Structures are given as C-alpha cells and as structure tokens.
C-alpha cells in the first residue's frame, strides 16, 4: 500500500520549509548572498544541511525562493501605499518614501536583494520583482498624467527611471553614506523630491514625448 503523507506530516514539512526560507533572510542580511552558505542557513534554521537540500535541490533555487518571498512582501507594502486615496503626486511620493525608508533600514539586505552578484536563479527572480515595483510606479504615473497632475510622458520609461534612482541613490555603489538618523532622513527626502520633480516637471521643448501604448 502506497504511503500517503498525513496532514500533520505536511504541516511539519511546510514548517521546516518556512524556517529555512526565513533563515536565508537572516543569513543574507548579515553576510549577503556571496557570503551565505547552505550550512549557515541550515544552522540558522535548526535543521541538518541535508534537510535543506531535500526541500531545495540547489543553492541557487533556495536563494531565489527566499528572494521571491521577501521581495513579494516589499512589493505588496509599496503597492498598498500607492493604492491609497489622494492625488497621484502624494501617492507616488509616499510609495517612493516607503520604499526608500525600508531599504535604508535594512541596507545590507536591500543590496543583496536588489543588486549583489549572485546565482543565475537569483538574478532571474530579482528581475521579476524589479518589474513588479516598476508596474506599481507606472500605474501612479499614468493616473497622474490622466488627471493632469503630470505632463505627458512615457510612463513605463519614467517608472523604470524611478526604480533606477531608488536603487542607485539608496544602496548602489554611488549611494552616499547615511551614518545617522538625520542624514538618512535627508537622503530619503532628497531622493523622493528628485523622483517627484522628474515625473512632474515640464518636458524639454526640444523633445517630443509620446505616451507608450504598450
């Protein structure tokens, strides 16, 4: 007679899987993807290394799943803010500010999740969520353009530029240091102001901006 897993066994397996994924977040926040090893994740999760590999066949798949879990949560947070009532400008500024604040509060983890060199599986998962963030910002920019708050522009391109400003301005190699709370706040407000100015300023007269139909 074939063995069938009981509901209790399934719950135990899912609990171990969840612990492993949370352990990846803990380890990566301390040493990044490049420094993280499966044995370190297993120790943080309180399981054997072999148990990790039973749930995730490769290190790349493990890290990609953990990134997806964390990134989806961050997308949901930013999307909820962007969907609040108010003008498009206030919604966009609030969404950018929340993204920025959460990134600088966990800068090491944010660098790992967004830009740190890692396995191909991690890069593939990372791209999915960059697009998801861009979609959130693009919708608000489109709303602002339709309402006359923002000038006509390619909303998809503008959203991609907002993502670039956030990533590079906050955690990329060119990001300024923000060692204390006051400097961190100033950095967040500067980037928020830049993003709002970028999408709300008048177009250059020498450019013909065509709204994307894609």
N, C-alpha and C. Protein backbone atom coordinates (compact mmCIF):
# COMPACT_ATOMS: atom_id res chain seq x y z
N UNK A 1 0.84 -1.18 0.00
CA UNK A 1 0.00 0.00 0.00
C UNK A 1 0.89 1.25 0.00
N UNK A 2 0.60 2.18 -0.91
CA UNK A 2 1.43 3.38 -1.06
C UNK A 2 1.32 4.26 0.18
N UNK A 3 2.44 4.83 0.57
CA UNK A 3 2.45 5.72 1.73
C UNK A 3 1.84 7.06 1.36
N UNK A 4 0.94 7.54 2.20
CA UNK A 4 0.34 8.84 1.99
C UNK A 4 0.66 9.73 3.18
N UNK A 5 1.18 10.90 2.88
CA UNK A 5 1.51 11.82 3.96
C UNK A 5 0.26 12.31 4.67
N UNK A 6 0.31 12.30 5.98
CA UNK A 6 -0.82 12.82 6.74
C UNK A 6 -0.76 14.34 6.77
N UNK A 7 -1.86 14.93 7.16
CA UNK A 7 -1.91 16.40 7.25
C UNK A 7 -0.87 16.91 8.23
N UNK A 8 -0.65 16.18 9.31
CA UNK A 8 0.34 16.59 10.31
C UNK A 8 1.75 16.57 9.72
N UNK A 9 2.05 15.54 8.94
CA UNK A 9 3.36 15.46 8.30
C UNK A 9 3.55 16.61 7.32
N UNK A 10 2.52 16.91 6.55
CA UNK A 10 2.59 18.02 5.60
C UNK A 10 2.85 19.34 6.32
N UNK A 11 2.21 19.53 7.46
CA UNK A 11 2.41 20.75 8.23
C UNK A 11 3.84 20.85 8.74
N UNK A 12 4.38 19.73 9.18
CA UNK A 12 5.75 19.72 9.67
C UNK A 12 6.74 20.04 8.55
N UNK A 13 6.50 19.46 7.38
CA UNK A 13 7.37 19.73 6.24
C UNK A 13 7.30 21.21 5.83
N UNK A 14 6.08 21.75 5.82
CA UNK A 14 5.93 23.16 5.46
C UNK A 14 6.58 24.06 6.49
N UNK A 15 6.49 23.68 7.76
CA UNK A 15 7.12 24.46 8.81
C UNK A 15 8.64 24.50 8.62
N UNK A 16 9.23 23.35 8.29
CA UNK A 16 10.67 23.32 8.04
C UNK A 16 11.04 24.17 6.84
N UNK A 17 10.24 24.09 5.79
CA UNK A 17 10.50 24.88 4.59
C UNK A 17 10.45 26.37 4.91
N UNK A 18 9.44 26.77 5.67
CA UNK A 18 9.31 28.18 6.04
C UNK A 18 10.48 28.64 6.90
N UNK A 19 10.90 27.80 7.83
CA UNK A 19 12.04 28.15 8.69
C UNK A 19 13.31 28.31 7.87
N UNK A 20 13.48 27.45 6.89
CA UNK A 20 14.67 27.53 6.04
C UNK A 20 14.68 28.85 5.26
N UNK A 21 13.53 29.21 4.69
CA UNK A 21 13.45 30.45 3.91
C UNK A 21 13.67 31.67 4.79
N UNK A 22 13.14 31.65 6.00
CA UNK A 22 13.37 32.76 6.92
C UNK A 22 14.83 32.82 7.34
N UNK A 23 15.44 31.66 7.47
CA UNK A 23 16.86 31.61 7.84
C UNK A 23 17.73 32.21 6.74
N UNK A 24 17.34 32.01 5.48
CA UNK A 24 18.09 32.63 4.38
C UNK A 24 18.08 34.14 4.54
N UNK A 25 16.92 34.69 4.84
CA UNK A 25 16.82 36.14 5.03
C UNK A 25 17.75 36.61 6.15
N UNK A 26 17.76 35.87 7.24
CA UNK A 26 18.61 36.23 8.38
C UNK A 26 20.09 36.20 7.99
N UNK A 27 20.50 35.13 7.33
CA UNK A 27 21.91 34.98 6.97
C UNK A 27 22.32 36.02 5.93
N UNK A 28 21.48 36.21 4.91
CA UNK A 28 21.80 37.15 3.85
C UNK A 28 21.87 38.58 4.38
N UNK A 29 21.02 38.91 5.34
CA UNK A 29 21.06 40.26 5.91
C UNK A 29 22.37 40.52 6.65
N UNK A 30 23.06 39.45 7.03
CA UNK A 30 24.32 39.59 7.76
C UNK A 30 25.54 39.52 6.84
N UNK A 31 25.52 38.60 5.88
CA UNK A 31 26.73 38.37 5.07
C UNK A 31 26.48 38.48 3.57
N UNK A 32 25.24 38.72 3.15
CA UNK A 32 24.94 38.81 1.73
C UNK A 32 24.86 37.45 1.05
N UNK A 33 24.45 37.45 -0.21
CA UNK A 33 24.35 36.19 -0.95
C UNK A 33 25.72 35.56 -1.18
N UNK A 34 26.72 36.39 -1.41
CA UNK A 34 28.04 35.84 -1.73
C UNK A 34 28.67 35.17 -0.51
N UNK A 35 28.35 35.67 0.66
CA UNK A 35 28.93 35.08 1.86
C UNK A 35 28.10 33.96 2.45
N UNK A 36 26.85 33.86 2.03
CA UNK A 36 25.94 32.86 2.60
C UNK A 36 26.25 31.46 2.06
N UNK A 37 26.23 30.50 2.95
CA UNK A 37 26.42 29.10 2.60
C UNK A 37 25.24 28.29 3.10
N UNK A 38 24.95 27.19 2.42
CA UNK A 38 23.82 26.36 2.80
C UNK A 38 23.96 25.87 4.24
N UNK A 39 25.18 25.54 4.66
CA UNK A 39 25.39 25.07 6.03
C UNK A 39 25.03 26.16 7.04
N UNK A 40 25.30 27.43 6.70
CA UNK A 40 24.95 28.54 7.58
C UNK A 40 23.43 28.68 7.69
N UNK A 41 22.76 28.50 6.57
CA UNK A 41 21.30 28.57 6.56
C UNK A 41 20.70 27.44 7.39
N UNK A 42 21.25 26.24 7.23
CA UNK A 42 20.76 25.09 7.98
C UNK A 42 20.92 25.32 9.48
N UNK A 43 22.06 25.85 9.88
CA UNK A 43 22.29 26.11 11.31
C UNK A 43 21.30 27.15 11.84
N UNK A 44 21.06 28.21 11.06
CA UNK A 44 20.12 29.25 11.48
C UNK A 44 18.70 28.73 11.56
N UNK A 45 18.37 27.76 10.70
CA UNK A 45 17.02 27.19 10.69
C UNK A 45 16.85 26.07 11.70
N UNK A 46 17.96 25.58 12.25
CA UNK A 46 17.89 24.49 13.21
C UNK A 46 17.61 23.15 12.57
N UNK A 47 18.11 22.98 11.33
CA UNK A 47 17.92 21.71 10.63
C UNK A 47 19.27 21.24 10.09
N UNK A 48 19.31 20.00 9.63
CA UNK A 48 20.53 19.46 9.02
C UNK A 48 20.68 20.01 7.61
N UNK A 49 21.92 20.09 7.12
CA UNK A 49 22.16 20.57 5.77
C UNK A 49 21.44 19.71 4.74
N UNK A 50 21.40 18.41 4.98
CA UNK A 50 20.69 17.51 4.07
C UNK A 50 19.20 17.83 3.99
N UNK A 51 18.64 18.29 5.09
CA UNK A 51 17.22 18.67 5.10
C UNK A 51 16.97 19.85 4.17
N UNK A 52 17.90 20.80 4.16
CA UNK A 52 17.76 21.94 3.26
C UNK A 52 17.71 21.46 1.82
N UNK A 53 18.62 20.54 1.47
CA UNK A 53 18.67 20.07 0.09
C UNK A 53 17.48 19.18 -0.27
N UNK A 54 16.83 18.59 0.71
CA UNK A 54 15.61 17.83 0.41
C UNK A 54 14.48 18.75 -0.01
N UNK A 55 14.48 19.96 0.52
CA UNK A 55 13.44 20.93 0.16
C UNK A 55 13.83 21.78 -1.05
N UNK A 56 15.12 22.04 -1.20
CA UNK A 56 15.60 22.90 -2.27
C UNK A 56 16.82 22.22 -2.91
N UNK A 57 16.68 21.72 -4.13
CA UNK A 57 17.74 20.92 -4.75
C UNK A 57 19.08 21.63 -4.93
N UNK A 58 19.07 22.97 -5.01
CA UNK A 58 20.31 23.69 -5.24
C UNK A 58 20.34 24.97 -4.42
N UNK A 59 21.54 25.48 -4.21
CA UNK A 59 21.71 26.74 -3.50
C UNK A 59 21.02 27.89 -4.25
N UNK A 60 21.15 27.88 -5.59
CA UNK A 60 20.52 28.92 -6.38
C UNK A 60 19.02 28.93 -6.23
N UNK A 61 18.40 27.75 -6.25
CA UNK A 61 16.94 27.67 -6.09
C UNK A 61 16.52 28.12 -4.70
N UNK A 62 17.27 27.73 -3.69
CA UNK A 62 16.97 28.14 -2.32
C UNK A 62 16.99 29.65 -2.20
N UNK A 63 18.05 30.28 -2.69
CA UNK A 63 18.18 31.73 -2.55
C UNK A 63 17.14 32.46 -3.39
N UNK A 64 16.82 31.92 -4.56
CA UNK A 64 15.81 32.55 -5.42
C UNK A 64 14.44 32.52 -4.76
N UNK A 65 14.10 31.39 -4.12
CA UNK A 65 12.81 31.28 -3.43
C UNK A 65 12.74 32.26 -2.25
N UNK A 66 13.84 32.39 -1.54
CA UNK A 66 13.88 33.30 -0.40
C UNK A 66 13.76 34.75 -0.88
N UNK A 67 14.45 35.07 -1.96
CA UNK A 67 14.34 36.42 -2.51
C UNK A 67 12.91 36.71 -2.94
N UNK A 68 12.29 35.76 -3.61
CA UNK A 68 10.92 35.96 -4.07
C UNK A 68 9.97 36.20 -2.90
N UNK A 69 10.14 35.45 -1.83
CA UNK A 69 9.29 35.61 -0.65
C UNK A 69 9.44 37.01 -0.06
N UNK A 70 10.67 37.44 0.11
CA UNK A 70 10.93 38.75 0.69
C UNK A 70 10.50 39.88 -0.25
N UNK A 71 10.82 39.74 -1.53
CA UNK A 71 10.50 40.78 -2.50
C UNK A 71 9.01 40.96 -2.68
N UNK A 72 8.26 39.86 -2.69
CA UNK A 72 6.81 39.97 -2.84
C UNK A 72 6.20 40.74 -1.68
N UNK A 73 6.71 40.50 -0.49
CA UNK A 73 6.23 41.25 0.68
C UNK A 73 6.50 42.75 0.49
N UNK A 74 7.69 43.09 0.01
CA UNK A 74 8.03 44.50 -0.18
C UNK A 74 7.17 45.13 -1.28
N UNK A 75 6.93 44.40 -2.36
CA UNK A 75 6.06 44.90 -3.43
C UNK A 75 4.66 45.16 -2.88
N UNK A 76 4.16 44.24 -2.07
CA UNK A 76 2.81 44.39 -1.50
C UNK A 76 2.72 45.63 -0.61
N UNK A 77 3.77 45.88 0.15
CA UNK A 77 3.78 47.05 1.04
C UNK A 77 3.72 48.33 0.21
N UNK A 78 4.59 48.43 -0.79
CA UNK A 78 4.65 49.64 -1.63
C UNK A 78 3.36 49.79 -2.43
N UNK A 79 2.82 48.70 -2.96
CA UNK A 79 1.59 48.76 -3.74
C UNK A 79 0.42 49.22 -2.89
N UNK A 80 0.36 48.79 -1.64
CA UNK A 80 -0.72 49.21 -0.75
C UNK A 80 -0.67 50.71 -0.51
N UNK A 81 0.52 51.25 -0.35
CA UNK A 81 0.67 52.69 -0.16
C UNK A 81 0.27 53.44 -1.43
N UNK A 82 0.71 52.94 -2.56
CA UNK A 82 0.41 53.59 -3.84
C UNK A 82 -1.07 53.56 -4.17
N UNK A 83 -1.81 52.62 -3.58
CA UNK A 83 -3.24 52.48 -3.87
C UNK A 83 -4.12 53.29 -2.91
N UNK A 84 -3.52 53.99 -1.98
CA UNK A 84 -4.30 54.78 -1.03
C UNK A 84 -4.98 55.95 -1.74
N UNK A 85 -5.95 56.55 -1.06
CA UNK A 85 -6.63 57.71 -1.62
C UNK A 85 -5.70 58.92 -1.62
N UNK A 86 -5.97 59.85 -2.53
CA UNK A 86 -5.17 61.05 -2.61
C UNK A 86 -4.72 61.32 -4.02
N UNK A 87 -4.03 62.41 -4.20
CA UNK A 87 -3.53 62.77 -5.52
C UNK A 87 -2.45 61.79 -5.96
N UNK A 88 -2.21 61.74 -7.25
CA UNK A 88 -1.16 60.87 -7.76
C UNK A 88 0.20 61.30 -7.22
N UNK A 89 0.42 62.60 -7.09
CA UNK A 89 1.69 63.09 -6.58
C UNK A 89 1.93 62.64 -5.14
N UNK A 90 0.89 62.72 -4.30
CA UNK A 90 1.06 62.31 -2.91
C UNK A 90 1.23 60.80 -2.80
N UNK A 91 0.51 60.05 -3.64
CA UNK A 91 0.63 58.60 -3.62
C UNK A 91 2.01 58.16 -4.09
N UNK A 92 2.52 58.82 -5.13
CA UNK A 92 3.83 58.46 -5.64
C UNK A 92 4.91 58.81 -4.62
N UNK A 93 4.82 60.00 -4.03
CA UNK A 93 5.82 60.39 -3.04
C UNK A 93 5.80 59.47 -1.84
N UNK A 94 4.60 59.09 -1.39
CA UNK A 94 4.51 58.18 -0.24
C UNK A 94 5.08 56.81 -0.57
N UNK A 95 4.79 56.31 -1.78
CA UNK A 95 5.29 54.99 -2.18
C UNK A 95 6.82 55.00 -2.31
N UNK A 96 7.36 56.05 -2.91
CA UNK A 96 8.82 56.17 -3.04
C UNK A 96 9.46 56.27 -1.66
N UNK A 97 8.85 57.06 -0.79
CA UNK A 97 9.40 57.26 0.56
C UNK A 97 9.41 55.95 1.36
N UNK A 98 8.34 55.18 1.25
CA UNK A 98 8.27 53.90 1.96
C UNK A 98 9.32 52.93 1.42
N UNK A 99 9.43 52.85 0.11
CA UNK A 99 10.46 52.00 -0.50
C UNK A 99 11.83 52.41 0.05
N UNK A 100 12.12 53.70 0.01
CA UNK A 100 13.42 54.20 0.44
C UNK A 100 13.68 53.94 1.91
N UNK A 101 12.68 54.20 2.73
CA UNK A 101 12.86 54.02 4.18
C UNK A 101 13.15 52.56 4.52
N UNK A 102 12.41 51.66 3.91
CA UNK A 102 12.61 50.24 4.20
C UNK A 102 13.96 49.75 3.69
N UNK A 103 14.43 50.32 2.59
CA UNK A 103 15.72 49.92 2.04
C UNK A 103 16.86 50.37 2.94
N UNK A 104 16.81 51.61 3.43
CA UNK A 104 17.93 52.09 4.24
C UNK A 104 17.91 51.49 5.64
N UNK A 105 16.73 51.07 6.09
CA UNK A 105 16.66 50.43 7.41
C UNK A 105 17.30 49.05 7.40
N UNK A 106 17.34 48.42 6.24
CA UNK A 106 17.99 47.10 6.09
C UNK A 106 18.87 47.15 4.85
N UNK A 107 19.86 48.03 4.90
CA UNK A 107 20.65 48.34 3.71
C UNK A 107 21.42 47.13 3.19
N UNK A 108 21.98 46.34 4.08
CA UNK A 108 22.74 45.16 3.65
C UNK A 108 21.83 44.17 2.95
N UNK A 109 20.65 43.95 3.51
CA UNK A 109 19.70 43.03 2.90
C UNK A 109 19.19 43.60 1.58
N UNK A 110 18.91 44.90 1.55
CA UNK A 110 18.41 45.53 0.33
C UNK A 110 19.42 45.40 -0.80
N UNK A 111 20.71 45.61 -0.49
CA UNK A 111 21.76 45.46 -1.51
C UNK A 111 21.77 44.03 -2.05
N UNK A 112 21.65 43.06 -1.16
CA UNK A 112 21.64 41.67 -1.59
C UNK A 112 20.42 41.38 -2.47
N UNK A 113 19.27 41.87 -2.05
CA UNK A 113 18.04 41.58 -2.78
C UNK A 113 17.98 42.28 -4.13
N UNK A 114 18.61 43.44 -4.24
CA UNK A 114 18.46 44.25 -5.44
C UNK A 114 19.62 44.13 -6.41
N UNK A 115 20.86 44.11 -5.92
CA UNK A 115 21.97 44.29 -6.84
C UNK A 115 23.18 43.40 -6.64
N UNK A 116 23.32 42.74 -5.53
CA UNK A 116 24.55 41.97 -5.28
C UNK A 116 24.71 40.82 -6.27
N UNK A 117 25.89 40.64 -6.85
CA UNK A 117 26.10 39.49 -7.74
C UNK A 117 25.73 38.18 -7.04
N UNK A 118 24.99 37.35 -7.76
CA UNK A 118 24.51 36.09 -7.17
C UNK A 118 24.25 35.08 -8.27
N UNK A 119 23.71 33.93 -7.91
CA UNK A 119 23.43 32.86 -8.86
C UNK A 119 22.42 33.32 -9.92
N UNK A 120 22.43 32.62 -11.06
CA UNK A 120 21.54 32.97 -12.17
C UNK A 120 20.07 32.91 -11.75
N UNK A 121 19.72 31.95 -10.90
CA UNK A 121 18.33 31.84 -10.44
C UNK A 121 17.91 33.07 -9.65
N UNK A 122 18.85 33.60 -8.86
CA UNK A 122 18.56 34.80 -8.07
C UNK A 122 18.37 36.00 -9.00
N UNK A 123 19.22 36.12 -10.00
CA UNK A 123 19.09 37.23 -10.95
C UNK A 123 17.75 37.18 -11.66
N UNK A 124 17.31 35.99 -12.04
CA UNK A 124 16.03 35.85 -12.73
C UNK A 124 14.87 36.27 -11.83
N UNK A 125 14.91 35.83 -10.57
CA UNK A 125 13.85 36.21 -9.63
C UNK A 125 13.89 37.71 -9.35
N UNK A 126 15.09 38.23 -9.25
CA UNK A 126 15.27 39.67 -8.98
C UNK A 126 14.61 40.51 -10.08
N UNK A 127 14.77 40.12 -11.33
CA UNK A 127 14.21 40.87 -12.44
C UNK A 127 12.68 40.89 -12.39
N UNK A 128 12.09 39.77 -12.00
CA UNK A 128 10.63 39.71 -11.88
C UNK A 128 10.13 40.78 -10.93
N UNK A 129 10.81 40.95 -9.82
CA UNK A 129 10.31 41.89 -8.81
C UNK A 129 10.72 43.33 -9.09
N UNK A 130 11.79 43.55 -9.82
CA UNK A 130 12.07 44.90 -10.30
C UNK A 130 10.92 45.36 -11.20
N UNK A 131 10.47 44.47 -12.06
CA UNK A 131 9.35 44.80 -12.95
C UNK A 131 8.08 45.03 -12.15
N UNK A 132 7.89 44.25 -11.09
CA UNK A 132 6.70 44.41 -10.26
C UNK A 132 6.69 45.78 -9.58
N UNK A 133 7.83 46.21 -9.06
CA UNK A 133 7.92 47.54 -8.47
C UNK A 133 7.67 48.61 -9.53
N UNK A 134 8.27 48.45 -10.70
CA UNK A 134 8.08 49.42 -11.78
C UNK A 134 6.61 49.51 -12.18
N UNK A 135 5.90 48.38 -12.19
CA UNK A 135 4.48 48.39 -12.53
C UNK A 135 3.68 49.23 -11.54
N UNK A 136 4.05 49.15 -10.25
CA UNK A 136 3.36 49.94 -9.22
C UNK A 136 3.55 51.43 -9.51
N UNK A 137 4.78 51.84 -9.75
CA UNK A 137 5.05 53.25 -10.01
C UNK A 137 4.45 53.71 -11.33
N UNK A 138 4.49 52.84 -12.33
CA UNK A 138 3.93 53.20 -13.63
C UNK A 138 2.44 53.51 -13.54
N UNK A 139 1.71 52.72 -12.78
CA UNK A 139 0.27 52.96 -12.64
C UNK A 139 -0.01 54.33 -12.04
N UNK A 140 0.74 54.70 -11.01
CA UNK A 140 0.52 56.00 -10.37
C UNK A 140 0.87 57.13 -11.34
N UNK A 141 1.94 56.96 -12.10
CA UNK A 141 2.33 57.99 -13.07
C UNK A 141 1.27 58.14 -14.14
N UNK A 142 0.72 57.02 -14.61
CA UNK A 142 -0.37 57.07 -15.59
C UNK A 142 -1.58 57.79 -15.01
N UNK A 143 -1.90 57.49 -13.75
CA UNK A 143 -3.03 58.16 -13.10
C UNK A 143 -2.79 59.66 -13.04
N UNK A 144 -1.56 60.05 -12.69
CA UNK A 144 -1.24 61.47 -12.60
C UNK A 144 -1.29 62.17 -13.93
N UNK A 145 -0.86 61.48 -14.99
CA UNK A 145 -0.92 62.06 -16.33
C UNK A 145 -2.37 62.24 -16.78
N UNK A 146 -3.18 61.23 -16.52
CA UNK A 146 -4.59 61.30 -16.91
C UNK A 146 -5.33 62.41 -16.17
N UNK A 147 -4.92 62.66 -14.92
CA UNK A 147 -5.58 63.69 -14.12
C UNK A 147 -5.01 65.08 -14.37
N UNK A 148 -3.97 65.19 -15.19
CA UNK A 148 -3.37 66.48 -15.47
C UNK A 148 -2.36 66.93 -14.43
N UNK A 149 -2.03 66.04 -13.49
CA UNK A 149 -1.03 66.39 -12.47
C UNK A 149 0.39 66.34 -13.03
N UNK A 150 0.62 65.39 -13.92
CA UNK A 150 1.93 65.21 -14.52
C UNK A 150 1.81 65.50 -16.02
N UNK A 151 2.88 65.97 -16.64
CA UNK A 151 2.85 66.18 -18.09
C UNK A 151 2.84 64.85 -18.84
N UNK A 152 2.47 64.92 -20.12
CA UNK A 152 2.50 63.70 -20.95
C UNK A 152 3.91 63.14 -20.97
N UNK A 153 4.01 61.84 -20.80
CA UNK A 153 5.31 61.20 -20.75
C UNK A 153 5.16 59.70 -20.99
N UNK A 154 6.25 59.03 -21.24
CA UNK A 154 6.26 57.58 -21.35
C UNK A 154 6.28 57.03 -19.93
N UNK A 155 5.14 56.62 -19.42
CA UNK A 155 5.02 56.23 -18.01
C UNK A 155 5.90 55.03 -17.67
N UNK A 156 6.02 54.09 -18.60
CA UNK A 156 6.85 52.91 -18.33
C UNK A 156 8.32 53.31 -18.19
N UNK A 157 8.79 54.20 -19.08
CA UNK A 157 10.17 54.65 -19.00
C UNK A 157 10.41 55.46 -17.73
N UNK A 158 9.44 56.30 -17.38
CA UNK A 158 9.57 57.11 -16.16
C UNK A 158 9.63 56.22 -14.92
N UNK A 159 8.79 55.20 -14.90
CA UNK A 159 8.79 54.28 -13.75
C UNK A 159 10.13 53.56 -13.64
N UNK A 160 10.69 53.15 -14.78
CA UNK A 160 12.00 52.49 -14.75
C UNK A 160 13.07 53.43 -14.22
N UNK A 161 12.96 54.71 -14.56
CA UNK A 161 13.93 55.69 -14.06
C UNK A 161 13.77 55.91 -12.57
N UNK A 162 12.54 55.87 -12.08
CA UNK A 162 12.31 55.98 -10.63
C UNK A 162 12.99 54.82 -9.91
N UNK A 163 12.83 53.62 -10.45
CA UNK A 163 13.49 52.45 -9.86
C UNK A 163 15.00 52.64 -9.87
N UNK A 164 15.53 53.14 -10.97
CA UNK A 164 16.97 53.37 -11.05
C UNK A 164 17.45 54.38 -10.02
N UNK A 165 16.69 55.46 -9.84
CA UNK A 165 17.06 56.47 -8.86
C UNK A 165 17.05 55.89 -7.45
N UNK A 166 16.06 55.08 -7.14
CA UNK A 166 15.96 54.47 -5.81
C UNK A 166 17.12 53.50 -5.58
N UNK A 167 17.33 52.62 -6.53
CA UNK A 167 18.38 51.61 -6.35
C UNK A 167 19.76 52.24 -6.24
N UNK A 168 20.09 53.12 -7.18
CA UNK A 168 21.43 53.69 -7.19
C UNK A 168 21.60 54.72 -6.07
N UNK A 169 20.56 55.50 -5.83
CA UNK A 169 20.67 56.54 -4.82
C UNK A 169 20.69 56.03 -3.39
N UNK A 170 20.10 54.85 -3.18
CA UNK A 170 20.00 54.32 -1.82
C UNK A 170 21.05 53.29 -1.48
N UNK A 171 21.29 52.35 -2.39
CA UNK A 171 22.14 51.22 -2.00
C UNK A 171 23.21 50.86 -3.00
N UNK A 172 23.22 51.51 -4.16
CA UNK A 172 24.22 51.20 -5.17
C UNK A 172 25.60 51.72 -4.78
N UNK A 173 26.62 51.43 -5.58
CA UNK A 173 27.98 51.86 -5.27
C UNK A 173 28.14 53.37 -5.14
N UNK A 174 27.27 54.14 -5.83
CA UNK A 174 27.36 55.59 -5.78
C UNK A 174 26.51 56.21 -4.68
N UNK A 175 25.78 55.39 -3.95
CA UNK A 175 24.90 55.92 -2.90
C UNK A 175 25.73 56.60 -1.82
N UNK A 176 25.31 57.80 -1.40
CA UNK A 176 26.05 58.48 -0.32
C UNK A 176 25.86 57.76 1.00
N UNK A 177 26.83 57.87 1.84
CA UNK A 177 26.73 57.28 3.16
C UNK A 177 25.71 58.05 3.99
N UNK A 178 24.96 57.33 4.80
CA UNK A 178 23.98 57.96 5.69
C UNK A 178 24.15 57.35 7.07
N UNK A 179 25.20 57.74 7.80
CA UNK A 179 25.54 57.06 9.04
C UNK A 179 24.62 57.31 10.22
N UNK A 180 23.87 58.42 10.20
CA UNK A 180 23.00 58.68 11.35
C UNK A 180 21.58 58.97 10.87
N UNK A 181 20.67 59.06 11.83
CA UNK A 181 19.25 59.16 11.51
C UNK A 181 18.92 60.41 10.71
N UNK A 182 19.51 61.56 11.10
CA UNK A 182 19.19 62.80 10.41
C UNK A 182 19.65 62.76 8.95
N UNK A 183 20.83 62.21 8.71
CA UNK A 183 21.32 62.10 7.34
C UNK A 183 20.49 61.11 6.53
N UNK A 184 20.03 60.04 7.18
CA UNK A 184 19.19 59.07 6.50
C UNK A 184 17.89 59.71 6.05
N UNK A 185 17.27 60.47 6.93
CA UNK A 185 16.03 61.16 6.58
C UNK A 185 16.25 62.14 5.43
N UNK A 186 17.35 62.87 5.49
CA UNK A 186 17.65 63.84 4.44
C UNK A 186 17.85 63.13 3.10
N UNK A 187 18.52 61.98 3.12
CA UNK A 187 18.74 61.22 1.89
C UNK A 187 17.42 60.74 1.30
N UNK A 188 16.56 60.22 2.15
CA UNK A 188 15.25 59.73 1.69
C UNK A 188 14.44 60.87 1.08
N UNK A 189 14.42 62.02 1.74
CA UNK A 189 13.65 63.15 1.23
C UNK A 189 14.24 63.69 -0.06
N UNK A 190 15.56 63.67 -0.18
CA UNK A 190 16.20 64.15 -1.40
C UNK A 190 15.83 63.28 -2.59
N UNK A 191 15.85 61.96 -2.39
CA UNK A 191 15.52 61.04 -3.47
C UNK A 191 14.03 61.12 -3.82
N UNK A 192 13.20 61.26 -2.79
CA UNK A 192 11.76 61.40 -3.03
C UNK A 192 11.50 62.66 -3.85
N UNK A 193 12.13 63.77 -3.47
CA UNK A 193 11.95 65.02 -4.20
C UNK A 193 12.42 64.89 -5.64
N UNK A 194 13.57 64.22 -5.83
CA UNK A 194 14.09 64.04 -7.19
C UNK A 194 13.09 63.28 -8.06
N UNK A 195 12.54 62.18 -7.53
CA UNK A 195 11.60 61.36 -8.30
C UNK A 195 10.35 62.15 -8.66
N UNK A 196 9.83 62.92 -7.72
CA UNK A 196 8.62 63.71 -7.99
C UNK A 196 8.90 64.82 -9.00
N UNK A 197 10.05 65.46 -8.87
CA UNK A 197 10.41 66.50 -9.83
C UNK A 197 10.57 65.91 -11.22
N UNK A 198 11.13 64.72 -11.28
CA UNK A 198 11.39 64.08 -12.58
C UNK A 198 10.11 63.79 -13.34
N UNK A 199 9.07 63.35 -12.65
CA UNK A 199 7.83 62.99 -13.35
C UNK A 199 6.85 64.15 -13.48
N UNK A 200 7.05 65.21 -12.71
CA UNK A 200 6.08 66.32 -12.73
C UNK A 200 6.59 67.59 -13.40
N UNK A 201 7.88 67.64 -13.71
CA UNK A 201 8.42 68.83 -14.36
C UNK A 201 7.93 68.94 -15.80
N UNK A 202 8.00 70.15 -16.34
CA UNK A 202 7.60 70.34 -17.73
C UNK A 202 8.58 69.64 -18.67
N UNK A 203 8.09 69.10 -19.78
CA UNK A 203 9.01 68.45 -20.73
C UNK A 203 9.97 69.45 -21.35
N UNK A 204 11.12 68.97 -21.77
CA UNK A 204 12.04 69.82 -22.52
C UNK A 204 11.38 70.18 -23.85
N UNK A 205 11.45 71.46 -24.26
CA UNK A 205 10.77 71.85 -25.51
C UNK A 205 11.34 71.17 -26.74
N UNK A 206 12.57 70.71 -26.67
CA UNK A 206 13.18 70.10 -27.86
C UNK A 206 12.82 68.61 -28.00
N UNK A 207 12.08 68.08 -27.02
CA UNK A 207 11.74 66.66 -27.07
C UNK A 207 10.25 66.49 -27.34
N UNK A 208 9.94 65.48 -28.13
CA UNK A 208 8.54 65.12 -28.34
C UNK A 208 8.30 63.82 -27.59
N UNK A 209 7.55 63.90 -26.50
CA UNK A 209 7.31 62.73 -25.67
C UNK A 209 6.02 62.07 -26.12
N UNK A 210 6.13 60.81 -26.47
CA UNK A 210 4.99 60.04 -26.94
C UNK A 210 4.62 59.03 -25.89
N UNK A 211 3.38 59.06 -25.44
CA UNK A 211 2.93 58.13 -24.42
C UNK A 211 3.05 56.70 -24.94
N UNK A 212 3.60 55.81 -24.12
CA UNK A 212 3.76 54.41 -24.51
C UNK A 212 2.39 53.76 -24.68
N UNK A 213 2.22 53.02 -25.75
CA UNK A 213 0.95 52.31 -25.98
C UNK A 213 1.06 50.86 -25.60
N UNK A 214 2.24 50.47 -25.09
CA UNK A 214 2.43 49.07 -24.74
C UNK A 214 1.83 48.80 -23.39
